[in-house]
Protein backbone atom coordinates (compact mmCIF):
# COMPACT_ATOMS: atom_id res chain seq x y z
CA MET A 1 131.20 270.45 99.31
CA LEU A 2 130.12 272.49 101.84
CA ALA A 3 132.12 271.01 104.49
CA ASP A 4 134.94 270.77 102.06
CA ARG A 5 135.09 274.60 101.49
CA THR A 6 134.60 275.11 105.31
CA ALA A 7 137.92 272.98 106.04
CA MET A 8 139.89 274.19 103.58
CA ASN A 9 138.63 278.05 104.87
CA VAL A 10 140.13 276.58 108.71
CA ILE A 11 143.23 275.40 107.26
CA LEU A 12 143.85 278.95 105.54
CA LEU A 13 143.18 280.78 108.69
CA LYS A 14 145.50 278.14 110.62
CA ALA A 15 148.32 279.12 108.03
CA LEU A 16 148.13 282.57 107.88
CA VAL A 17 147.54 282.99 111.76
CA ALA A 18 151.11 280.88 111.75
CA LEU A 19 152.42 283.09 108.62
CA VAL A 20 152.97 286.01 111.82
CA PRO A 21 155.12 285.00 113.82
CA ALA A 22 157.07 282.74 111.50
CA SER A 23 157.90 286.15 109.33
CA ILE A 24 158.54 287.63 112.72
CA LEU A 25 160.86 285.10 113.35
CA PHE A 26 162.36 285.30 109.54
CA ALA A 27 162.92 289.10 109.80
CA GLY A 28 164.64 288.83 113.30
CA SER A 29 167.24 286.39 111.65
CA VAL A 30 167.44 288.42 108.51
CA VAL A 31 168.68 291.42 110.60
CA LEU A 32 170.59 288.81 113.07
CA PHE A 33 172.22 287.22 109.65
CA ALA A 34 172.95 291.27 108.09
CA ARG A 35 174.78 292.68 111.45
CA ARG A 36 177.14 290.02 111.93
CA LYS A 37 177.37 287.98 109.01
CA THR A 38 178.80 284.47 110.40
CA VAL A 39 177.97 280.84 110.08
CA TRP A 40 175.44 280.06 112.92
CA PRO A 41 173.05 283.12 111.80
CA LEU A 42 172.93 282.27 108.31
CA VAL A 43 172.02 278.37 109.67
CA GLN A 44 169.28 280.48 112.14
CA LEU A 45 168.34 282.08 109.14
CA LEU A 46 167.75 279.13 107.01
CA GLY A 47 165.72 277.45 109.63
CA ALA A 48 163.64 280.45 109.77
CA GLY A 49 163.13 280.24 106.17
CA CYS A 50 162.24 276.44 106.06
CA LEU A 51 159.63 277.40 108.68
CA VAL A 52 157.85 279.72 106.43
CA VAL A 53 158.14 278.00 103.57
CA VAL A 54 156.29 275.00 105.86
CA ILE A 55 153.58 277.59 106.22
CA LEU A 56 153.62 278.66 103.14
CA THR A 57 152.86 275.11 101.57
CA HIS A 58 149.58 275.13 103.92
CA VAL A 59 148.34 277.79 102.43
CA CYS A 60 149.06 276.92 98.55
CA GLU A 61 147.02 274.21 99.98
CA ALA A 62 144.17 275.88 101.40
CA LEU A 63 143.89 277.86 97.72
CA HIS A 64 144.15 275.13 95.82
CA LEU A 65 147.33 276.52 94.03
CA PHE A 66 149.93 274.15 91.92
CA PRO A 67 147.29 271.19 92.01
CA TRP A 68 150.32 269.40 90.24
CA MET A 69 152.03 269.28 93.61
CA HIS A 70 149.17 267.00 94.62
CA TRP A 71 149.33 269.04 98.56
CA GLY A 72 148.27 266.53 101.17
CA ILE A 73 148.28 263.27 99.41
CA LYS A 74 151.72 261.31 100.61
CA ASN A 75 154.61 260.48 98.45
CA SER A 76 153.99 263.68 96.15
CA VAL A 77 156.23 266.21 95.44
CA GLY A 78 154.05 268.69 98.20
CA HIS A 79 154.05 266.34 100.72
CA TYR A 80 157.84 265.60 100.49
CA LEU A 81 158.54 269.60 100.04
CA ASP A 82 156.31 270.30 103.50
CA PHE A 83 158.00 267.54 105.50
CA TRP A 84 161.93 268.18 104.56
CA SER A 85 161.01 272.10 105.42
CA ALA A 86 159.41 270.57 108.75
CA ALA A 87 162.54 268.96 109.29
CA LEU A 88 165.42 271.15 108.27
CA GLY A 89 163.81 274.34 109.61
CA LEU A 90 162.86 272.64 113.49
CA THR A 91 166.74 271.02 112.75
CA LEU A 92 168.56 274.60 111.77
CA LEU A 93 166.98 276.97 113.51
CA PRO A 94 167.18 275.92 117.20
CA VAL A 95 171.07 274.55 116.16
CA GLY A 96 171.62 278.20 114.73
CA TYR A 97 170.85 280.28 117.60
CA LEU A 98 172.12 278.04 120.13
CA LEU A 99 175.72 278.05 118.74
CA HIS A 100 175.10 281.87 117.90
CA ALA A 101 174.70 282.09 121.17
CA LEU A 102 177.30 280.06 122.85
CA LYS A 103 179.80 281.54 120.84
CA ARG A 104 178.87 285.46 121.60
CA ARG A 105 179.04 284.05 125.35
CA GLN A 106 182.54 283.02 124.59
CA ALA A 107 183.43 286.37 123.08
């Protein structure tokens, strides 16, 4: 029982540490989109938002929030939320950043 509790505390600590840079990235994407309301900063913002969702799923898992999502169990709602948020975040964020940078360079 104590080992399970310690493992969850470690997961929570890692998630909270990861939340700091992800939040900074999200805030920067919000600022960029607020300044330049074009499609590529929006894509970047959506990607950063997805990465924040990934981290929040791990926080919810560590705190045992929303147990009906069956966090950490394969083929569960929580698993698919985590997986697809990570896949979209790791795709949309760099694509939005790259295409925004290329568009700015051309202008």
